[in-house]
Amino acid sequence: MVARSTSIAEAREQLPTLVHQAELGAPTTLTRRGKPVAVLVSTSAYARLTGIRQRTLPFFPSATMSE
């Protein structure tokens, strides 16, 4: 599977689709000015990569986007 790459601006418009693709196992690299800055992955992939159990993943209900 080829990892997808998209700009943050494009990701804003496609977020529901990108999240669905992440749930299906397709990560997306997010770029700013052409440079990779983050990766959108499913919670199961995140848990596997970090060793954190899914039930203990942090949840921040009051978090807001600062960008």
Protein backbone atom coordinates (compact mmCIF):
# COMPACT_ATOMS: atom_id res chain seq x y z
CA MET A 1 0.00 0.00 0.00
CA VAL A 2 1.33 3.41 -0.98
CA ALA A 3 1.08 6.07 1.71
CA ARG A 4 -0.88 9.12 0.61
CA SER A 5 0.49 12.62 1.06
CA THR A 6 -1.57 15.81 1.10
CA SER A 7 -1.21 19.40 2.20
CA ILE A 8 -2.92 20.55 5.38
CA ALA A 9 -5.07 22.90 3.30
CA GLU A 10 -6.27 20.02 1.10
CA ALA A 11 -6.75 17.80 4.15
CA ARG A 12 -9.21 20.31 5.65
CA GLU A 13 -11.46 19.84 2.63
CA GLN A 14 -11.07 16.04 2.61
CA LEU A 15 -10.96 15.26 6.33
CA PRO A 16 -13.94 12.85 6.48
CA THR A 17 -12.50 10.86 3.57
CA LEU A 18 -8.98 10.84 5.03
CA VAL A 19 -10.25 9.68 8.43
CA HIS A 20 -12.24 6.88 6.78
CA GLN A 21 -9.15 5.82 4.82
CA ALA A 22 -7.08 5.85 8.03
CA GLU A 23 -9.68 3.62 9.69
CA LEU A 24 -9.24 1.20 6.78
CA GLY A 25 -5.46 1.18 7.30
CA ALA A 26 -4.31 3.80 4.80
CA PRO A 27 -2.21 6.48 6.54
CA THR A 28 -1.89 10.00 5.13
CA THR A 29 1.18 12.20 5.51
CA LEU A 30 0.21 15.83 6.05
CA THR A 31 2.52 18.45 4.59
CA ARG A 32 3.06 22.16 5.15
CA ARG A 33 4.83 23.98 2.33
CA GLY A 34 5.79 20.59 0.88
CA LYS A 35 7.45 19.27 4.04
CA PRO A 36 5.97 16.37 6.06
CA VAL A 37 4.74 17.56 9.47
CA ALA A 38 2.28 14.89 10.68
CA VAL A 39 0.72 11.55 9.82
CA LEU A 40 -2.97 10.69 10.10
CA VAL A 41 -3.36 7.07 11.21
CA SER A 42 -6.08 4.98 12.83
CA THR A 43 -6.19 4.64 16.60
CA SER A 44 -5.31 0.97 16.26
CA ALA A 45 -2.19 1.81 14.22
CA TYR A 46 -1.26 4.54 16.71
CA ALA A 47 -1.66 2.12 19.62
CA ARG A 48 0.44 -0.50 17.83
CA LEU A 49 3.20 2.02 17.03
CA THR A 50 3.34 3.53 20.53
CA GLY A 51 2.57 0.43 22.56
CA ILE A 52 -0.36 2.20 24.23
CA ARG A 53 -3.51 0.15 24.66
CA GLN A 54 -6.44 1.61 22.74
CA ARG A 55 -8.59 1.94 25.85
CA THR A 56 -6.01 4.20 27.44
CA LEU A 57 -5.49 6.58 24.51
CA PRO A 58 -5.82 10.18 25.63
CA PHE A 59 -9.08 11.98 24.95
CA PHE A 60 -9.18 15.74 25.08
CA PRO A 61 -12.84 16.85 24.81
CA SER A 62 -12.04 20.50 25.48
CA ALA A 63 -9.12 20.70 23.06
CA THR A 64 -9.38 23.29 20.30
CA MET A 65 -7.47 23.71 17.09
CA SER A 66 -4.82 26.37 17.42
CA GLU A 67 -3.97 26.53 13.72
